[in-house]
Structure formats: structure tokens, C-alpha cells
Amino acid sequence: MAEKEKKDSMTMDEMQHRMAAAASVVKLVCGVGNNAAWLVVLEAYDHAKQHSRFNQSMKGGKRYSWFFRRVMKLHHEYEDHLVETKTNRMFHLADMDEKTRKKYGDISDRDYYDFWAAIGGPAYSKTHPLVTSLWNKYRLSLEANGIREADKVAWVMVGQVALELAGSLYDSAIDECEKGYELPRNLLEYVFGQFSLKHIAKEWYRAMMTLAPETEPIKPSELEEKNIDLGIRQLQEAWLNHDLLYESTQETVADYDEVFSTKGHQKKVLREIGEIREDTQREYERLKKEGKE
């Protein structure tokens, strides 16, 4: 009986260990994917505001802008949930073990969340040429099809792509944890589903189709579609690139002195990220040699 209890206990310990490792993967991938995507959305939102319909009223009195403001509201709710939730907490400093907590200074859970969200900044900056290239591909296609204010509508489309890519990156993180840590997918979705931006992508699409419904029947030419698909794939591959993930994290750590209790702890975290990055690269190279990557 004692041996069975010990085995059960070890099983639970192992499950907790694997879920903690999974949390690190999800927070890293979504730290880049979600937050870089949101910066693209904010840029697209600024362009959407310049569309002639944006502040006009629809039949029934509701303004076109209402749909975009709803997206902003949903994102605020998503952020508030991640910081304030009482279950499956990801940004609650008091949940950290003593050794980990000592690395951070006198900061709040919101400060810790903002630090995580900032990871998207370097990724957004480094891949912005891919974003503007994709915008141009959409613009050219829309102009060829006679869509008015194609430059602004194309930005709204790029915002949609960014949100959908964030959803794809979330899925890739869940896939990696399911296979790599042999964890049940339903458990992973239950714990980490709060990181998914798929509901926001759905609302942004609704806003886009309300603002520019004339784009719905448009079908790009074969060449245009090929160019757009290439642009989307390039952006997705860039956001999933291991070097970008770790570089964005390292740059954010280096920029956020105020988050850490001492310079020594900040440098230690930078070293740890570098070591993880090297381990990941070695594993990638190993899998590549074996033909599994």
C-alpha cells in the first residue's frame, strides 16, 4: 500500500513538473505571438480610424467604430483575466517558489504581466518589414479589384492575419506540450486556453466585414493569392523562429531593470535564457540530423 501511495504521489509530482515546463513553453511562444500580433492590430486600428466609414452610423444608429471598440474591450478583458484570475494563475508572484521570487523586485502582478507582454515589442520591430510587405500585397490586390480606400482596408486585413497567426502559435505551443511532455490535450486547453486570442480574431473579422463588406466576394488572382500566402507564411515562420523567441525575451529582460531585485539576478536570468536557447538549438540540430524536423 505504501509503495502504491508513493507511486501515485510521484505520478502527481511528475504531472506538476511537466505542467510547469508546459507553462514556460506557452508563455514564451504566446509572449511573442500574442503581443507582437496585438501591436500589429493597434497599428491596423489606427489606419482603420482613417477610413471614411469608421465614424459613420449604420442603419439602426450603431457606428462602424463600435465593432472595433468591442475588439479593444475584449482584449482588455483578456489582459485583466490573466492578471486577476483566481484559478490557473500565470502571473501571480505569490505562487512562485522562494528562489524564483527572489529574482524579482517589489513589483505587482500587473507589473509582471506588463513585463511579459513587452516581449512582443522586439519581435514586432524585427519583423515589421514582413508586416508592411504583407500589407502592400493586400493593397495591390484590393486596388486591382477596385476597392476604395484599399490602403486602409489592407491594414485591417493584416490585423486579421496577425490575430490568426497568434492563434496558430498558441496551437503550436499546445501541440508541442502534448507531444513533448505527453500531457492530455484537454488538460492543456483547460489550463492555458486563457492565452488564446481566437475569440478576439473572430470579433476583428466581424469588424472588418462590417467596415468593408465589399471585400467579401473578392477573389485574388492566382499570382496575388500566391504572394499573399507567401507573406503570411514568412511572418508565421519568423514569429516561430527559436532565435526570435529567445532574442525578444533577452532584449526585454535587459530593458526591464526595474523588474529585478538586483543587477545580479537580472544577469542570471539572461544567462539562463542563453543556456536554454543553446539547449534548444542543439536539440533542433539533433532532430534535423535524424530527419524529424
Protein backbone atom coordinates (compact mmCIF):
# COMPACT_ATOMS: atom_id res chain seq x y z
CA MET A 1 0.00 0.00 0.00
CA ALA A 2 2.82 2.38 0.93
CA GLU A 3 4.52 1.68 -2.40
CA LYS A 4 1.28 2.37 -4.31
CA GLU A 5 0.78 5.66 -2.49
CA LYS A 6 4.37 6.63 -3.25
CA LYS A 7 3.87 5.79 -6.93
CA ASP A 8 0.67 7.83 -7.06
CA SER A 9 2.46 10.70 -5.36
CA MET A 10 5.35 10.51 -7.81
CA THR A 11 2.89 10.49 -10.69
CA MET A 12 1.27 13.67 -9.40
CA ASP A 13 4.69 15.26 -8.84
CA GLU A 14 5.71 14.38 -12.37
CA MET A 15 2.45 15.81 -13.73
CA GLN A 16 3.05 19.07 -11.88
CA HIS A 17 6.64 19.20 -13.13
CA ARG A 18 5.53 18.69 -16.72
CA MET A 19 2.75 21.28 -16.44
CA ALA A 20 5.25 23.80 -15.07
CA ALA A 21 7.51 23.12 -18.07
CA ALA A 22 4.49 23.43 -20.38
CA ALA A 23 3.65 26.80 -18.82
CA SER A 24 7.13 28.04 -19.73
CA VAL A 25 6.66 26.97 -23.35
CA VAL A 26 3.20 28.51 -23.69
CA LYS A 27 4.26 31.78 -22.05
CA LEU A 28 7.33 32.03 -24.29
CA VAL A 29 5.51 31.32 -27.58
CA CYS A 30 2.45 33.41 -26.71
CA GLY A 31 4.67 36.11 -25.25
CA VAL A 32 5.89 36.72 -28.78
CA GLY A 33 2.84 35.63 -30.80
CA ASN A 34 0.07 37.31 -28.82
CA ASN A 35 1.88 40.52 -28.05
CA ALA A 36 3.55 41.07 -31.42
CA ALA A 37 0.17 40.39 -33.04
CA TRP A 38 -1.54 42.92 -30.78
CA LEU A 39 0.95 45.62 -31.76
CA VAL A 40 0.10 44.90 -35.40
CA VAL A 41 -3.59 45.15 -34.52
CA LEU A 42 -3.09 48.53 -32.83
CA GLU A 43 -1.28 49.77 -35.92
CA ALA A 44 -4.10 48.45 -38.10
CA TYR A 45 -6.66 50.09 -35.79
CA ASP A 46 -5.02 53.49 -36.30
CA HIS A 47 -5.42 53.07 -40.07
CA ALA A 48 -8.99 51.78 -39.73
CA LYS A 49 -9.90 55.02 -37.91
CA GLN A 50 -8.95 56.92 -41.06
CA HIS A 51 -11.47 55.01 -43.19
CA SER A 52 -14.34 57.25 -44.30
CA ARG A 53 -16.94 54.87 -42.84
CA PHE A 54 -15.31 54.45 -39.42
CA ASN A 55 -17.22 57.17 -37.56
CA GLN A 56 -20.37 56.95 -39.66
CA SER A 57 -23.58 55.43 -38.31
CA MET A 58 -25.11 52.28 -39.69
CA LYS A 59 -28.82 51.63 -40.03
CA GLY A 60 -30.17 51.46 -36.52
CA GLY A 61 -27.75 54.06 -35.20
CA LYS A 62 -24.75 51.87 -34.34
CA ARG A 63 -21.47 53.24 -35.62
CA TYR A 64 -18.99 51.16 -37.62
CA SER A 65 -16.41 52.07 -34.97
CA TRP A 66 -18.42 50.16 -32.33
CA PHE A 67 -17.21 46.81 -33.69
CA PHE A 68 -13.56 47.82 -33.39
CA ARG A 69 -14.07 49.26 -29.91
CA ARG A 70 -15.55 45.89 -28.93
CA VAL A 71 -12.30 44.21 -30.00
CA MET A 72 -10.36 46.63 -27.79
CA LYS A 73 -12.70 45.86 -24.88
CA LEU A 74 -12.27 42.11 -25.34
CA HIS A 75 -8.50 42.48 -25.27
CA HIS A 76 -8.68 44.50 -22.04
CA GLU A 77 -10.80 41.72 -20.55
CA TYR A 78 -8.28 39.11 -21.71
CA GLU A 79 -5.46 41.05 -20.01
CA ASP A 80 -7.44 41.57 -16.82
CA HIS A 81 -8.26 37.87 -16.67
CA LEU A 82 -4.61 36.83 -16.99
CA VAL A 83 -3.64 39.16 -14.15
CA GLU A 84 -6.62 38.74 -11.82
CA THR A 85 -7.85 35.15 -12.28
CA LYS A 86 -8.04 33.03 -9.13
CA THR A 87 -7.51 29.72 -10.94
CA ASN A 88 -4.66 28.54 -13.18
CA ARG A 89 -2.74 31.71 -12.35
CA MET A 90 0.19 32.54 -14.61
CA PHE A 91 1.24 35.97 -13.34
CA HIS A 92 0.70 35.76 -9.58
CA LEU A 93 4.03 36.45 -7.89
CA ALA A 94 2.94 34.84 -4.61
CA ASP A 95 2.66 31.49 -6.41
CA MET A 96 6.40 31.45 -7.18
CA ASP A 97 8.76 29.37 -5.12
CA GLU A 98 11.06 31.39 -2.86
CA LYS A 99 14.10 31.01 -5.10
CA THR A 100 12.28 32.32 -8.17
CA ARG A 101 10.51 35.13 -6.31
CA LYS A 102 13.85 36.48 -5.06
CA LYS A 103 14.82 37.30 -8.63
CA TYR A 104 12.10 39.92 -8.89
CA GLY A 105 11.87 43.22 -7.04
CA ASP A 106 8.97 45.00 -5.36
CA ILE A 107 6.57 44.69 -8.28
CA SER A 108 2.89 43.87 -8.68
CA ASP A 109 1.25 41.07 -10.65
CA ARG A 110 0.31 43.70 -13.25
CA ASP A 111 3.96 44.79 -13.50
CA TYR A 112 4.95 41.16 -14.04
CA TYR A 113 2.29 40.81 -16.76
CA ASP A 114 3.43 44.04 -18.46
CA PHE A 115 6.99 42.71 -18.45
CA TRP A 116 5.79 39.52 -20.18
CA ALA A 117 3.68 41.49 -22.67
CA ALA A 118 6.70 43.61 -23.59
CA ILE A 119 8.33 40.52 -25.12
CA GLY A 120 6.23 41.16 -28.21
CA GLY A 121 7.91 44.53 -28.81
CA PRO A 122 11.28 43.35 -30.15
CA ALA A 123 9.57 40.67 -32.27
CA TYR A 124 7.20 43.27 -33.72
CA SER A 125 10.09 45.64 -34.55
CA LYS A 126 12.30 42.93 -36.08
CA THR A 127 9.52 41.54 -38.30
CA HIS A 128 7.82 44.84 -39.20
CA PRO A 129 9.21 44.77 -42.76
CA LEU A 130 7.34 41.48 -43.26
CA VAL A 131 4.17 43.13 -41.92
CA THR A 132 4.39 46.09 -44.29
CA SER A 133 5.27 43.76 -47.17
CA LEU A 134 2.11 41.75 -46.48
CA TRP A 135 0.11 44.98 -46.26
CA ASN A 136 1.39 46.00 -49.69
CA LYS A 137 0.42 42.64 -51.20
CA TYR A 138 -3.13 43.07 -49.89
CA ARG A 139 -3.25 46.70 -51.05
CA LEU A 140 -2.23 45.84 -54.59
CA SER A 141 -4.81 43.07 -54.78
CA LEU A 142 -7.59 45.30 -53.43
CA GLU A 143 -6.70 48.14 -55.79
CA ALA A 144 -6.70 45.71 -58.73
CA ASN A 145 -10.23 44.74 -57.74
CA GLY A 146 -11.43 48.36 -57.48
CA ILE A 147 -11.80 48.51 -53.67
CA ARG A 148 -11.93 52.09 -52.37
CA GLU A 149 -9.52 53.13 -49.62
CA ALA A 150 -7.56 49.96 -50.32
CA ASP A 151 -4.59 51.13 -48.25
CA LYS A 152 -6.68 51.32 -45.08
CA VAL A 153 -8.65 48.14 -45.72
CA ALA A 154 -5.40 46.28 -46.37
CA TRP A 155 -4.19 47.22 -42.88
CA VAL A 156 -7.36 45.81 -41.35
CA MET A 157 -6.71 42.58 -43.24
CA VAL A 158 -3.14 42.46 -41.91
CA GLY A 159 -4.55 42.86 -38.40
CA GLN A 160 -6.76 39.85 -39.06
CA VAL A 161 -3.77 37.80 -40.24
CA ALA A 162 -1.79 38.77 -37.14
CA LEU A 163 -4.56 37.60 -34.80
CA GLU A 164 -4.98 34.34 -36.71
CA LEU A 165 -1.22 33.74 -36.56
CA ALA A 166 -1.33 34.31 -32.79
CA GLY A 167 -3.95 31.56 -32.68
CA SER A 168 -1.72 29.29 -34.77
CA LEU A 169 1.25 29.92 -32.48
CA TYR A 170 -0.88 29.11 -29.44
CA ASP A 171 -1.91 25.84 -31.13
CA SER A 172 1.72 25.04 -31.92
CA ALA A 173 2.66 25.55 -28.25
CA ILE A 174 -0.15 23.24 -27.12
CA ASP A 175 0.89 20.66 -29.73
CA GLU A 176 4.49 20.81 -28.54
CA CYS A 177 3.46 20.32 -24.90
CA GLU A 178 1.09 17.48 -25.76
CA LYS A 179 3.76 15.56 -27.67
CA GLY A 180 6.91 16.65 -25.86
CA TYR A 181 5.59 16.31 -22.30
CA GLU A 182 2.96 13.64 -23.06
CA LEU A 183 0.22 15.68 -21.40
CA PRO A 184 -3.54 15.34 -22.12
CA ARG A 185 -4.65 17.96 -24.62
CA ASN A 186 -7.89 18.65 -22.76
CA LEU A 187 -5.87 19.48 -19.64
CA LEU A 188 -3.56 21.77 -21.59
CA GLU A 189 -6.51 23.58 -23.19
CA TYR A 190 -8.24 23.91 -19.82
CA VAL A 191 -5.20 25.45 -18.12
CA PHE A 192 -3.73 27.50 -20.97
CA GLY A 193 -6.81 28.32 -23.05
CA GLN A 194 -6.83 31.73 -21.37
CA PHE A 195 -3.89 32.69 -23.64
CA SER A 196 -5.86 32.08 -26.83
CA LEU A 197 -6.82 35.16 -28.87
CA LYS A 198 -9.11 33.23 -31.21
CA HIS A 199 -12.27 34.89 -29.86
CA ILE A 200 -10.69 38.29 -30.49
CA ALA A 201 -9.72 37.25 -34.04
CA LYS A 202 -13.36 36.34 -34.64
CA GLU A 203 -14.55 39.77 -33.48
CA TRP A 204 -11.92 41.59 -35.53
CA TYR A 205 -13.10 39.70 -38.61
CA ARG A 206 -16.65 40.80 -37.84
CA ALA A 207 -15.45 44.41 -37.58
CA MET A 208 -13.53 44.09 -40.86
CA MET A 209 -16.52 42.67 -42.74
CA THR A 210 -18.76 45.41 -41.33
CA LEU A 211 -16.37 48.20 -42.34
CA ALA A 212 -15.56 46.82 -45.81
CA PRO A 213 -18.19 44.22 -46.82
CA GLU A 214 -17.32 44.81 -50.48
CA THR A 215 -14.16 42.76 -49.96
CA GLU A 216 -16.01 39.52 -49.15
CA PRO A 217 -16.76 38.43 -52.74
CA ILE A 218 -13.28 39.46 -53.92
CA LYS A 219 -11.04 36.60 -55.05
CA PRO A 220 -7.38 37.49 -55.65
CA SER A 221 -5.75 36.32 -58.86
CA GLU A 222 -3.64 33.20 -58.68
CA LEU A 223 -0.44 35.26 -58.52
CA GLU A 224 -1.85 37.64 -55.90
CA GLU A 225 -3.01 34.75 -53.75
CA LYS A 226 0.39 33.08 -54.06
CA ASN A 227 2.14 36.29 -52.99
CA ILE A 228 -0.21 36.83 -50.05
CA ASP A 229 0.14 33.23 -48.87
CA LEU A 230 3.92 33.57 -49.06
CA GLY A 231 3.79 36.76 -46.99
CA ILE A 232 1.65 35.10 -44.32
CA ARG A 233 3.92 32.05 -44.19
CA GLN A 234 7.05 34.21 -43.88
CA LEU A 235 5.56 36.12 -40.95
CA GLN A 236 4.45 32.91 -39.23
CA GLU A 237 7.87 31.30 -39.65
CA ALA A 238 9.55 34.45 -38.31
CA TRP A 239 7.37 34.56 -35.18
CA LEU A 240 8.01 30.85 -34.56
CA ASN A 241 11.76 31.09 -35.10
CA HIS A 242 13.61 30.00 -31.96
CA ASP A 243 16.19 32.76 -32.33
CA LEU A 244 13.48 35.42 -32.44
CA LEU A 245 11.70 33.94 -29.42
CA TYR A 246 14.83 33.98 -27.27
CA GLU A 247 16.25 37.24 -28.63
CA SER A 248 12.97 39.04 -27.89
CA THR A 249 12.94 37.63 -24.37
CA GLN A 250 16.58 38.52 -23.74
CA GLU A 251 16.13 42.08 -25.02
CA THR A 252 13.09 42.57 -22.82
CA VAL A 253 14.90 41.24 -19.75
CA ALA A 254 17.81 43.57 -20.48
CA ASP A 255 15.48 46.58 -20.83
CA TYR A 256 13.44 45.95 -17.68
CA ASP A 257 15.94 46.63 -14.89
CA GLU A 258 13.13 47.72 -12.56
CA VAL A 259 11.53 44.26 -12.60
CA PHE A 260 14.51 42.53 -10.97
CA SER A 261 15.60 42.74 -7.37
CA THR A 262 19.29 43.15 -8.27
CA LYS A 263 21.50 43.51 -11.33
CA GLY A 264 22.94 40.13 -10.43
CA HIS A 265 19.56 38.42 -10.67
CA GLN A 266 18.88 40.17 -13.98
CA LYS A 267 22.19 38.91 -15.39
CA LYS A 268 21.48 35.43 -14.06
CA VAL A 269 18.12 35.32 -15.88
CA LEU A 270 19.85 36.44 -19.08
CA ARG A 271 22.38 33.62 -18.69
CA GLU A 272 19.61 31.09 -18.08
CA ILE A 273 17.78 32.19 -21.22
CA GLY A 274 21.02 31.88 -23.18
CA GLU A 275 21.58 28.36 -21.87
CA ILE A 276 18.01 27.31 -22.73
CA ARG A 277 18.47 28.81 -26.18
CA GLU A 278 21.65 26.79 -26.73
CA ASP A 279 19.98 23.59 -25.49
CA THR A 280 17.05 24.19 -27.82
CA GLN A 281 19.38 24.74 -30.77
CA ARG A 282 21.30 21.54 -30.01
CA GLU A 283 18.05 19.58 -29.80
CA TYR A 284 16.86 21.11 -33.07
CA GLU A 285 20.10 20.14 -34.80
CA ARG A 286 19.84 16.61 -33.41
CA LEU A 287 16.29 16.20 -34.68
CA LYS A 288 17.28 17.68 -38.03
CA LYS A 289 20.05 15.07 -38.41
CA GLU A 290 17.55 12.32 -37.57
CA GLY A 291 15.12 13.70 -40.13
CA LYS A 292 12.46 14.54 -37.56
CA GLU A 293 12.48 18.33 -38.04
